[in-house]
Amino acid sequence: MPDTMLETARRWLRLILPMLVSVLVGACSIAPVEYTNMLGDDEKYSPFANYFTLDDPAHRKEIVVQALNLVGTEYRWGGKHPDEGLDCSGLVTFAVERATKRSLPHHAATIALMTRPIKRDELAPGDLVFFNTMNRRHSHVGVYIGDSRFVHAPAPGQKVRTESLKTRYYAEHLDGLHTFARNTGKSN
């Protein structure tokens, strides 16, 4: 009898899981929206913070190259290497380490604390885009590649891919823009 109950539970899981994925994917493909003023003033640059910065601007371009090389990699929660799969922060830490030989923690919100927040008009390829996807700030992260696009590891059952910040789902959930560049005198 317990085997029958287990098999029934598995059947239900096989039915329900694809429907949940369809709902999530459908939400991501809704018509684009403008995102010029999505971020409020709640995230400010601190002149006293010791941010993770890169001296060589070529490193930010190399981060983009490394992130794009990961497109098609399987998602795996907690994944830190493309051979085993990657989650969102695993993608970022892997790309940064390959490009710069420096390490970041494997946690999106901690990466946000370590990198300098910027305004929308400062966003450049190699910067990071953060999203509130789990009812908490900076629960998801991607690498900005330019032209309103970013690379990220979206969710279980999916692969690393590029997305547009203009897609309604990402526009509504964007909650941080951060850079590895040193402060040029502008302040948030």
N, C-alpha and C. Protein backbone atom coordinates (compact mmCIF):
# COMPACT_ATOMS: atom_id res chain seq x y z
N MET A 1 0.81 -1.21 0.00
CA MET A 1 0.00 0.00 0.00
C MET A 1 0.85 1.27 0.00
N PRO A 2 1.91 1.38 0.82
CA PRO A 2 2.74 2.58 0.79
C PRO A 2 3.36 2.82 -0.58
N ASP A 3 3.74 1.76 -1.30
CA ASP A 3 4.30 1.95 -2.64
C ASP A 3 3.28 2.57 -3.57
N THR A 4 2.01 2.19 -3.42
CA THR A 4 0.95 2.75 -4.25
C THR A 4 0.77 4.23 -3.96
N MET A 5 0.81 4.60 -2.68
CA MET A 5 0.68 6.01 -2.32
C MET A 5 1.86 6.82 -2.85
N LEU A 6 3.05 6.25 -2.76
CA LEU A 6 4.23 6.93 -3.28
C LEU A 6 4.13 7.12 -4.78
N GLU A 7 3.68 6.09 -5.47
CA GLU A 7 3.53 6.18 -6.92
C GLU A 7 2.46 7.22 -7.29
N THR A 8 1.38 7.28 -6.53
CA THR A 8 0.33 8.28 -6.76
C THR A 8 0.89 9.68 -6.57
N ALA A 9 1.67 9.86 -5.51
CA ALA A 9 2.28 11.18 -5.26
C ALA A 9 3.22 11.55 -6.40
N ARG A 10 3.97 10.62 -6.89
CA ARG A 10 4.87 10.91 -8.02
C ARG A 10 4.09 11.30 -9.26
N ARG A 11 2.98 10.60 -9.52
CA ARG A 11 2.16 10.94 -10.69
C ARG A 11 1.63 12.37 -10.58
N TRP A 12 1.13 12.74 -9.39
CA TRP A 12 0.63 14.09 -9.19
C TRP A 12 1.74 15.12 -9.38
N LEU A 13 2.93 14.81 -8.87
CA LEU A 13 4.06 15.72 -9.03
C LEU A 13 4.40 15.90 -10.51
N ARG A 14 4.37 14.80 -11.26
CA ARG A 14 4.67 14.90 -12.70
C ARG A 14 3.61 15.72 -13.43
N LEU A 15 2.39 15.74 -12.94
CA LEU A 15 1.33 16.54 -13.55
C LEU A 15 1.41 18.01 -13.15
N ILE A 16 1.66 18.25 -11.87
CA ILE A 16 1.62 19.61 -11.35
C ILE A 16 2.87 20.41 -11.71
N LEU A 17 4.04 19.81 -11.62
CA LEU A 17 5.29 20.53 -11.87
C LEU A 17 5.33 21.18 -13.26
N PRO A 18 4.98 20.47 -14.35
CA PRO A 18 4.99 21.14 -15.66
C PRO A 18 4.01 22.31 -15.73
N MET A 19 2.88 22.22 -15.02
CA MET A 19 1.93 23.33 -15.04
C MET A 19 2.52 24.54 -14.33
N LEU A 20 3.19 24.33 -13.20
CA LEU A 20 3.81 25.45 -12.49
C LEU A 20 4.89 26.11 -13.33
N VAL A 21 5.71 25.31 -13.99
CA VAL A 21 6.75 25.85 -14.87
C VAL A 21 6.11 26.65 -15.99
N SER A 22 5.02 26.15 -16.57
CA SER A 22 4.32 26.87 -17.65
C SER A 22 3.82 28.22 -17.18
N VAL A 23 3.28 28.26 -15.97
CA VAL A 23 2.78 29.53 -15.42
C VAL A 23 3.94 30.51 -15.25
N LEU A 24 5.06 30.05 -14.69
CA LEU A 24 6.21 30.93 -14.49
C LEU A 24 6.78 31.41 -15.81
N VAL A 25 6.93 30.52 -16.77
CA VAL A 25 7.47 30.92 -18.08
C VAL A 25 6.51 31.87 -18.77
N GLY A 26 5.22 31.60 -18.66
CA GLY A 26 4.23 32.49 -19.27
C GLY A 26 4.29 33.87 -18.69
N ALA A 27 4.50 33.96 -17.39
CA ALA A 27 4.61 35.28 -16.75
C ALA A 27 5.81 36.04 -17.26
N CYS A 28 6.85 35.33 -17.66
CA CYS A 28 8.07 35.98 -18.13
C CYS A 28 7.94 36.45 -19.58
N SER A 29 6.95 35.97 -20.29
CA SER A 29 6.88 36.31 -21.71
C SER A 29 5.78 37.32 -22.01
N ILE A 30 5.30 38.01 -21.01
CA ILE A 30 4.29 39.03 -21.20
C ILE A 30 4.92 40.23 -21.89
N ALA A 31 4.09 41.04 -22.55
CA ALA A 31 4.57 42.17 -23.34
C ALA A 31 5.55 43.05 -22.57
N PRO A 32 6.55 43.61 -23.27
CA PRO A 32 7.54 44.47 -22.63
C PRO A 32 6.93 45.77 -22.09
N VAL A 33 7.56 46.30 -21.07
CA VAL A 33 7.16 47.58 -20.50
C VAL A 33 8.40 48.45 -20.38
N GLU A 34 8.18 49.74 -20.23
CA GLU A 34 9.31 50.65 -20.03
C GLU A 34 9.81 50.52 -18.60
N TYR A 35 11.08 50.71 -18.39
CA TYR A 35 11.64 50.53 -17.05
C TYR A 35 12.55 51.67 -16.66
N THR A 36 12.26 52.86 -17.12
CA THR A 36 13.16 53.98 -16.87
C THR A 36 13.19 54.42 -15.40
N ASN A 37 12.07 54.33 -14.69
CA ASN A 37 12.04 54.80 -13.31
C ASN A 37 11.64 53.71 -12.33
N MET A 38 12.09 52.51 -12.54
CA MET A 38 11.67 51.41 -11.70
C MET A 38 12.31 51.44 -10.33
N LEU A 39 13.50 51.94 -10.22
CA LEU A 39 14.21 51.87 -8.95
C LEU A 39 14.05 53.17 -8.18
N GLY A 40 13.70 53.05 -6.92
CA GLY A 40 13.55 54.23 -6.08
C GLY A 40 14.88 54.68 -5.53
N ASP A 41 14.82 55.53 -4.55
CA ASP A 41 16.03 56.06 -3.93
C ASP A 41 16.44 55.26 -2.69
N ASP A 42 15.92 54.04 -2.56
CA ASP A 42 16.21 53.27 -1.36
C ASP A 42 17.58 52.60 -1.40
N GLU A 43 18.23 52.61 -2.53
CA GLU A 43 19.55 52.00 -2.63
C GLU A 43 20.54 53.09 -3.01
N LYS A 44 21.35 53.47 -2.08
CA LYS A 44 22.26 54.59 -2.28
C LYS A 44 23.71 54.15 -2.17
N TYR A 45 24.54 54.84 -2.92
CA TYR A 45 25.99 54.65 -2.84
C TYR A 45 26.48 55.15 -1.49
N SER A 46 27.35 54.39 -0.87
CA SER A 46 27.95 54.82 0.38
C SER A 46 29.44 55.09 0.15
N PRO A 47 29.90 56.32 0.40
CA PRO A 47 31.32 56.62 0.21
C PRO A 47 32.20 55.88 1.22
N PHE A 48 31.61 55.29 2.25
CA PHE A 48 32.38 54.61 3.29
C PHE A 48 32.46 53.10 3.07
N ALA A 49 31.69 52.60 2.10
CA ALA A 49 31.68 51.15 1.86
C ALA A 49 32.96 50.71 1.14
N ASN A 50 33.35 49.50 1.39
CA ASN A 50 34.50 48.91 0.73
C ASN A 50 33.98 47.94 -0.33
N TYR A 51 33.59 48.49 -1.49
CA TYR A 51 32.97 47.70 -2.54
C TYR A 51 33.99 46.84 -3.29
N PHE A 52 33.51 45.73 -3.83
CA PHE A 52 34.29 44.85 -4.70
C PHE A 52 34.37 45.56 -6.04
N THR A 53 35.54 46.08 -6.39
CA THR A 53 35.69 46.82 -7.64
C THR A 53 36.81 46.22 -8.48
N LEU A 54 36.77 46.55 -9.75
CA LEU A 54 37.78 46.08 -10.70
C LEU A 54 38.51 47.28 -11.27
N ASP A 55 39.83 47.23 -11.25
CA ASP A 55 40.63 48.34 -11.77
C ASP A 55 40.65 48.37 -13.29
N ASP A 56 40.59 47.23 -13.92
CA ASP A 56 40.73 47.14 -15.37
C ASP A 56 39.34 47.06 -16.02
N PRO A 57 38.94 48.08 -16.79
CA PRO A 57 37.63 48.05 -17.46
C PRO A 57 37.47 46.84 -18.39
N ALA A 58 38.57 46.28 -18.87
CA ALA A 58 38.49 45.10 -19.73
C ALA A 58 37.92 43.89 -18.98
N HIS A 59 38.06 43.88 -17.66
CA HIS A 59 37.51 42.79 -16.87
C HIS A 59 35.99 42.73 -16.99
N ARG A 60 35.33 43.89 -17.02
CA ARG A 60 33.87 43.91 -17.13
C ARG A 60 33.44 43.33 -18.47
N LYS A 61 34.19 43.65 -19.53
CA LYS A 61 33.87 43.07 -20.85
C LYS A 61 34.10 41.56 -20.83
N GLU A 62 35.13 41.12 -20.15
CA GLU A 62 35.41 39.68 -20.07
C GLU A 62 34.34 38.96 -19.24
N ILE A 63 33.78 39.62 -18.24
CA ILE A 63 32.67 39.04 -17.48
C ILE A 63 31.49 38.77 -18.40
N VAL A 64 31.21 39.70 -19.31
CA VAL A 64 30.13 39.51 -20.29
C VAL A 64 30.42 38.31 -21.17
N VAL A 65 31.66 38.21 -21.67
CA VAL A 65 32.04 37.09 -22.53
C VAL A 65 31.87 35.78 -21.78
N GLN A 66 32.35 35.73 -20.54
CA GLN A 66 32.25 34.51 -19.75
C GLN A 66 30.78 34.14 -19.48
N ALA A 67 29.95 35.12 -19.17
CA ALA A 67 28.53 34.86 -18.93
C ALA A 67 27.85 34.34 -20.20
N LEU A 68 28.15 34.95 -21.34
CA LEU A 68 27.54 34.49 -22.59
C LEU A 68 27.99 33.07 -22.94
N ASN A 69 29.22 32.72 -22.58
CA ASN A 69 29.70 31.35 -22.82
C ASN A 69 28.92 30.31 -22.02
N LEU A 70 28.21 30.74 -21.00
CA LEU A 70 27.46 29.82 -20.15
C LEU A 70 26.02 29.60 -20.62
N VAL A 71 25.59 30.35 -21.63
CA VAL A 71 24.23 30.19 -22.16
C VAL A 71 24.04 28.73 -22.60
N GLY A 72 22.94 28.15 -22.17
CA GLY A 72 22.66 26.75 -22.48
C GLY A 72 23.02 25.79 -21.36
N THR A 73 23.73 26.28 -20.33
CA THR A 73 24.09 25.44 -19.19
C THR A 73 22.83 25.14 -18.37
N GLU A 74 22.72 23.93 -17.90
CA GLU A 74 21.57 23.53 -17.08
C GLU A 74 21.56 24.30 -15.76
N TYR A 75 20.35 24.62 -15.29
CA TYR A 75 20.19 25.22 -13.97
C TYR A 75 20.32 24.12 -12.91
N ARG A 76 21.01 24.45 -11.84
CA ARG A 76 21.03 23.57 -10.67
C ARG A 76 21.16 24.45 -9.44
N TRP A 77 20.20 24.33 -8.53
CA TRP A 77 20.24 25.12 -7.31
C TRP A 77 21.53 24.80 -6.56
N GLY A 78 22.27 25.85 -6.21
CA GLY A 78 23.54 25.69 -5.51
C GLY A 78 24.70 25.39 -6.44
N GLY A 79 24.44 25.27 -7.75
CA GLY A 79 25.49 24.93 -8.71
C GLY A 79 26.53 26.02 -8.85
N LYS A 80 27.80 25.61 -8.86
CA LYS A 80 28.91 26.56 -8.92
C LYS A 80 29.77 26.38 -10.16
N HIS A 81 29.53 25.34 -10.93
CA HIS A 81 30.37 25.05 -12.09
C HIS A 81 29.48 24.57 -13.24
N PRO A 82 29.76 25.01 -14.47
CA PRO A 82 28.91 24.62 -15.60
C PRO A 82 28.80 23.11 -15.81
N ASP A 83 29.80 22.36 -15.42
CA ASP A 83 29.75 20.91 -15.60
C ASP A 83 28.67 20.26 -14.74
N GLU A 84 28.35 20.88 -13.62
CA GLU A 84 27.34 20.33 -12.72
C GLU A 84 26.04 21.12 -12.75
N GLY A 85 26.03 22.25 -13.45
CA GLY A 85 24.87 23.14 -13.49
C GLY A 85 25.13 24.37 -12.63
N LEU A 86 24.39 25.43 -12.90
CA LEU A 86 24.59 26.71 -12.21
C LEU A 86 23.26 27.29 -11.76
N ASP A 87 23.28 27.96 -10.62
CA ASP A 87 22.17 28.82 -10.26
C ASP A 87 22.59 30.26 -10.57
N CYS A 88 21.75 31.23 -10.26
CA CYS A 88 22.03 32.61 -10.68
C CYS A 88 23.34 33.14 -10.09
N SER A 89 23.54 32.95 -8.78
CA SER A 89 24.77 33.48 -8.18
C SER A 89 25.97 32.63 -8.58
N GLY A 90 25.76 31.36 -8.85
CA GLY A 90 26.84 30.51 -9.36
C GLY A 90 27.32 30.98 -10.71
N LEU A 91 26.39 31.40 -11.56
CA LEU A 91 26.75 31.95 -12.88
C LEU A 91 27.61 33.20 -12.70
N VAL A 92 27.17 34.11 -11.83
CA VAL A 92 27.91 35.36 -11.62
C VAL A 92 29.29 35.08 -11.04
N THR A 93 29.35 34.26 -9.99
CA THR A 93 30.66 34.01 -9.37
C THR A 93 31.61 33.30 -10.33
N PHE A 94 31.08 32.38 -11.13
CA PHE A 94 31.93 31.66 -12.09
C PHE A 94 32.46 32.63 -13.15
N ALA A 95 31.59 33.47 -13.71
CA ALA A 95 32.02 34.42 -14.75
C ALA A 95 33.03 35.42 -14.20
N VAL A 96 32.79 35.93 -12.99
CA VAL A 96 33.71 36.90 -12.39
C VAL A 96 35.06 36.26 -12.11
N GLU A 97 35.05 35.06 -11.55
CA GLU A 97 36.31 34.40 -11.24
C GLU A 97 37.11 34.08 -12.51
N ARG A 98 36.43 33.63 -13.55
CA ARG A 98 37.13 33.35 -14.81
C ARG A 98 37.72 34.62 -15.42
N ALA A 99 37.00 35.72 -15.31
CA ALA A 99 37.43 36.97 -15.94
C ALA A 99 38.50 37.69 -15.12
N THR A 100 38.44 37.57 -13.80
CA THR A 100 39.28 38.42 -12.95
C THR A 100 40.22 37.67 -12.02
N LYS A 101 40.01 36.37 -11.87
CA LYS A 101 40.78 35.56 -10.90
C LYS A 101 40.48 35.97 -9.46
N ARG A 102 39.33 36.63 -9.25
CA ARG A 102 38.89 37.03 -7.91
C ARG A 102 37.56 36.36 -7.61
N SER A 103 37.32 36.10 -6.35
CA SER A 103 36.12 35.35 -5.94
C SER A 103 35.09 36.24 -5.28
N LEU A 104 33.84 35.89 -5.53
CA LEU A 104 32.69 36.48 -4.84
C LEU A 104 31.98 35.37 -4.08
N PRO A 105 31.20 35.72 -3.06
CA PRO A 105 30.42 34.69 -2.37
C PRO A 105 29.30 34.17 -3.27
N HIS A 106 28.85 32.97 -3.00
CA HIS A 106 27.80 32.35 -3.78
C HIS A 106 26.44 32.67 -3.15
N HIS A 107 26.06 33.96 -3.19
CA HIS A 107 24.80 34.40 -2.59
C HIS A 107 24.45 35.76 -3.17
N ALA A 108 23.31 35.84 -3.89
CA ALA A 108 22.95 37.06 -4.61
C ALA A 108 22.88 38.29 -3.70
N ALA A 109 22.20 38.19 -2.57
CA ALA A 109 22.06 39.36 -1.70
C ALA A 109 23.40 39.83 -1.14
N THR A 110 24.30 38.90 -0.87
CA THR A 110 25.62 39.27 -0.37
C THR A 110 26.44 39.94 -1.48
N ILE A 111 26.32 39.45 -2.70
CA ILE A 111 26.99 40.09 -3.83
C ILE A 111 26.48 41.52 -3.98
N ALA A 112 25.18 41.73 -3.79
CA ALA A 112 24.61 43.08 -3.88
C ALA A 112 25.22 44.00 -2.83
N LEU A 113 25.42 43.49 -1.63
CA LEU A 113 26.02 44.31 -0.57
C LEU A 113 27.48 44.66 -0.88
N MET A 114 28.14 43.79 -1.62
CA MET A 114 29.57 43.98 -1.92
C MET A 114 29.84 44.83 -3.15
N THR A 115 28.82 45.12 -3.95
CA THR A 115 29.01 45.88 -5.18
C THR A 115 28.28 47.21 -5.09
N ARG A 116 28.81 48.20 -5.80
CA ARG A 116 28.29 49.57 -5.70
C ARG A 116 26.99 49.75 -6.47
N PRO A 117 25.93 50.23 -5.79
CA PRO A 117 24.69 50.51 -6.50
C PRO A 117 24.86 51.69 -7.45
N ILE A 118 24.17 51.61 -8.57
CA ILE A 118 24.24 52.68 -9.58
C ILE A 118 22.84 53.03 -10.05
N LYS A 119 22.75 54.14 -10.77
CA LYS A 119 21.49 54.56 -11.39
C LYS A 119 21.38 53.95 -12.78
N ARG A 120 20.18 53.98 -13.30
CA ARG A 120 19.89 53.38 -14.60
C ARG A 120 20.79 53.94 -15.71
N ASP A 121 21.05 55.23 -15.70
CA ASP A 121 21.86 55.82 -16.77
C ASP A 121 23.35 55.46 -16.66
N GLU A 122 23.76 54.82 -15.59
CA GLU A 122 25.14 54.38 -15.41
C GLU A 122 25.34 52.91 -15.80
N LEU A 123 24.26 52.18 -16.02
CA LEU A 123 24.33 50.75 -16.30
C LEU A 123 25.12 50.48 -17.58
N ALA A 124 26.10 49.58 -17.49
CA ALA A 124 26.96 49.25 -18.63
C ALA A 124 27.21 47.74 -18.64
N PRO A 125 27.59 47.21 -19.81
CA PRO A 125 27.89 45.78 -19.88
C PRO A 125 28.91 45.37 -18.81
N GLY A 126 28.62 44.23 -18.18
CA GLY A 126 29.48 43.74 -17.11
C GLY A 126 28.97 44.11 -15.73
N ASP A 127 27.94 44.95 -15.65
CA ASP A 127 27.32 45.29 -14.38
C ASP A 127 26.34 44.19 -14.00
N LEU A 128 25.79 44.27 -12.81
CA LEU A 128 24.87 43.26 -12.32
C LEU A 128 23.46 43.84 -12.17
N VAL A 129 22.47 43.02 -12.48
CA VAL A 129 21.06 43.39 -12.31
C VAL A 129 20.47 42.42 -11.28
N PHE A 130 19.77 42.98 -10.29
CA PHE A 130 19.21 42.18 -9.21
C PHE A 130 17.69 42.28 -9.25
N PHE A 131 17.05 41.19 -8.82
CA PHE A 131 15.60 41.10 -8.86
C PHE A 131 15.08 40.55 -7.54
N ASN A 132 13.87 40.96 -7.20
CA ASN A 132 13.15 40.41 -6.07
C ASN A 132 12.19 39.37 -6.63
N THR A 133 12.60 38.11 -6.63
CA THR A 133 11.79 37.04 -7.20
C THR A 133 11.23 36.10 -6.14
N MET A 134 11.61 36.30 -4.88
CA MET A 134 11.18 35.40 -3.81
C MET A 134 10.68 36.19 -2.61
N ASN A 135 10.09 37.35 -2.87
CA ASN A 135 9.61 38.24 -1.81
C ASN A 135 10.71 38.67 -0.86
N ARG A 136 11.92 38.81 -1.41
CA ARG A 136 13.01 39.41 -0.63
C ARG A 136 13.98 40.06 -1.62
N ARG A 137 14.54 41.17 -1.18
CA ARG A 137 15.44 41.94 -2.03
C ARG A 137 16.61 41.10 -2.51
N HIS A 138 16.98 41.36 -3.75
CA HIS A 138 18.18 40.77 -4.34
C HIS A 138 18.21 39.24 -4.24
N SER A 139 17.09 38.61 -4.50
CA SER A 139 17.03 37.15 -4.44
C SER A 139 17.43 36.50 -5.77
N HIS A 140 17.63 37.31 -6.81
CA HIS A 140 18.05 36.79 -8.11
C HIS A 140 18.99 37.80 -8.74
N VAL A 141 19.99 37.31 -9.50
CA VAL A 141 20.98 38.20 -10.09
C VAL A 141 21.33 37.72 -11.50
N GLY A 142 21.67 38.67 -12.35
CA GLY A 142 22.14 38.37 -13.70
C GLY A 142 23.24 39.34 -14.09
N VAL A 143 23.91 39.05 -15.21
CA VAL A 143 24.97 39.91 -15.73
C VAL A 143 24.40 40.71 -16.90
N TYR A 144 24.48 42.04 -16.78
CA TYR A 144 24.00 42.91 -17.85
C TYR A 144 24.97 42.84 -19.02
N ILE A 145 24.43 42.65 -20.25
CA ILE A 145 25.28 42.52 -21.43
C ILE A 145 25.09 43.66 -22.43
N GLY A 146 24.20 44.60 -22.13
CA GLY A 146 23.96 45.73 -23.01
C GLY A 146 22.63 45.61 -23.73
N ASP A 147 22.17 46.72 -24.31
CA ASP A 147 20.94 46.76 -25.09
C ASP A 147 19.75 46.21 -24.30
N SER A 148 19.66 46.55 -23.02
CA SER A 148 18.58 46.12 -22.13
C SER A 148 18.51 44.61 -21.92
N ARG A 149 19.60 43.90 -22.14
CA ARG A 149 19.60 42.44 -22.02
C ARG A 149 20.56 41.98 -20.92
N PHE A 150 20.26 40.83 -20.35
CA PHE A 150 21.11 40.25 -19.32
C PHE A 150 21.13 38.73 -19.45
N VAL A 151 22.17 38.12 -18.87
CA VAL A 151 22.32 36.67 -18.85
C VAL A 151 22.03 36.22 -17.42
N HIS A 152 21.27 35.14 -17.28
CA HIS A 152 20.99 34.62 -15.94
C HIS A 152 20.62 33.14 -16.01
N ALA A 153 20.64 32.50 -14.86
CA ALA A 153 20.18 31.12 -14.70
C ALA A 153 18.81 31.22 -14.04
N PRO A 154 17.72 31.05 -14.82
CA PRO A 154 16.39 31.39 -14.32
C PRO A 154 15.80 30.51 -13.23
N ALA A 155 15.74 29.20 -13.43
CA ALA A 155 15.01 28.36 -12.47
C ALA A 155 15.23 26.89 -12.77
N PRO A 156 14.89 26.03 -11.82
CA PRO A 156 15.02 24.58 -12.06
C PRO A 156 14.27 24.16 -13.33
N GLY A 157 14.88 23.25 -14.07
CA GLY A 157 14.28 22.76 -15.30
C GLY A 157 14.56 23.65 -16.50
N GLN A 158 15.27 24.76 -16.29
CA GLN A 158 15.59 25.68 -17.37
C GLN A 158 17.09 25.76 -17.55
N LYS A 159 17.50 26.50 -18.56
CA LYS A 159 18.92 26.66 -18.85
C LYS A 159 19.30 28.12 -18.78
N VAL A 160 20.59 28.38 -18.61
CA VAL A 160 21.11 29.75 -18.64
C VAL A 160 20.72 30.36 -19.97
N ARG A 161 20.23 31.60 -19.94
CA ARG A 161 19.78 32.26 -21.17
C ARG A 161 19.83 33.77 -21.01
N THR A 162 19.61 34.46 -22.12
CA THR A 162 19.51 35.92 -22.07
C THR A 162 18.04 36.31 -22.01
N GLU A 163 17.80 37.45 -21.38
CA GLU A 163 16.44 38.00 -21.25
C GLU A 163 16.52 39.50 -21.45
N SER A 164 15.37 40.12 -21.60
CA SER A 164 15.29 41.57 -21.71
C SER A 164 14.77 42.16 -20.41
N LEU A 165 15.39 43.26 -20.00
CA LEU A 165 14.89 43.99 -18.83
C LEU A 165 13.53 44.63 -19.12
N LYS A 166 13.16 44.70 -20.38
CA LYS A 166 11.87 45.28 -20.76
C LYS A 166 10.72 44.29 -20.65
N THR A 167 11.03 43.00 -20.48
CA THR A 167 9.98 42.02 -20.27
C THR A 167 9.26 42.38 -18.98
N ARG A 168 7.94 42.36 -19.01
CA ARG A 168 7.15 42.82 -17.87
C ARG A 168 7.59 42.19 -16.54
N TYR A 169 7.77 40.89 -16.51
CA TYR A 169 8.14 40.22 -15.26
C TYR A 169 9.43 40.80 -14.68
N TYR A 170 10.47 40.92 -15.51
CA TYR A 170 11.75 41.41 -15.01
C TYR A 170 11.70 42.90 -14.72
N ALA A 171 10.94 43.65 -15.50
CA ALA A 171 10.79 45.08 -15.23
C ALA A 171 10.12 45.31 -13.88
N GLU A 172 9.13 44.50 -13.56
CA GLU A 172 8.40 44.66 -12.31
C GLU A 172 9.17 44.14 -11.10
N HIS A 173 10.11 43.24 -11.31
CA HIS A 173 10.84 42.64 -10.19
C HIS A 173 12.26 43.17 -10.03
N LEU A 174 12.71 44.02 -10.95
CA LEU A 174 14.05 44.61 -10.84
C LEU A 174 14.13 45.42 -9.55
N ASP A 175 15.17 45.16 -8.74
CA ASP A 175 15.29 45.92 -7.51
C ASP A 175 16.71 46.37 -7.21
N GLY A 176 17.60 46.27 -8.20
CA GLY A 176 18.94 46.77 -7.97
C GLY A 176 19.80 46.70 -9.21
N LEU A 177 20.60 47.73 -9.40
CA LEU A 177 21.60 47.80 -10.45
C LEU A 177 22.93 48.07 -9.75
N HIS A 178 23.93 47.24 -10.00
CA HIS A 178 25.20 47.37 -9.31
C HIS A 178 26.35 47.25 -10.30
N THR A 179 27.48 47.81 -9.90
CA THR A 179 28.64 47.80 -10.80
C THR A 179 29.88 47.33 -10.06
N PHE A 180 30.83 46.87 -10.87
CA PHE A 180 32.17 46.55 -10.36
C PHE A 180 33.12 47.74 -10.58
N ALA A 181 32.65 48.77 -11.30
CA ALA A 181 33.49 49.92 -11.62
C ALA A 181 33.68 50.78 -10.37
N ARG A 182 34.82 51.42 -10.33
CA ARG A 182 35.08 52.36 -9.24
C ARG A 182 34.17 53.57 -9.39
N ASN A 183 33.92 54.25 -8.30
CA ASN A 183 33.08 55.44 -8.32
C ASN A 183 33.80 56.55 -9.09
N THR A 184 33.10 57.16 -10.02
CA THR A 184 33.69 58.21 -10.85
C THR A 184 33.33 59.60 -10.35
N GLY A 185 32.78 59.67 -9.14
CA GLY A 185 32.41 60.97 -8.59
C GLY A 185 30.91 61.18 -8.57
N LYS A 186 30.15 60.40 -9.36
CA LYS A 186 28.69 60.48 -9.29
C LYS A 186 28.25 59.83 -8.01
N SER A 187 27.15 60.27 -7.47
CA SER A 187 26.60 59.63 -6.27
C SER A 187 25.13 59.36 -6.48
N ASN A 188 24.67 58.35 -5.81
CA ASN A 188 23.23 58.00 -5.88
C ASN A 188 22.48 58.72 -4.83
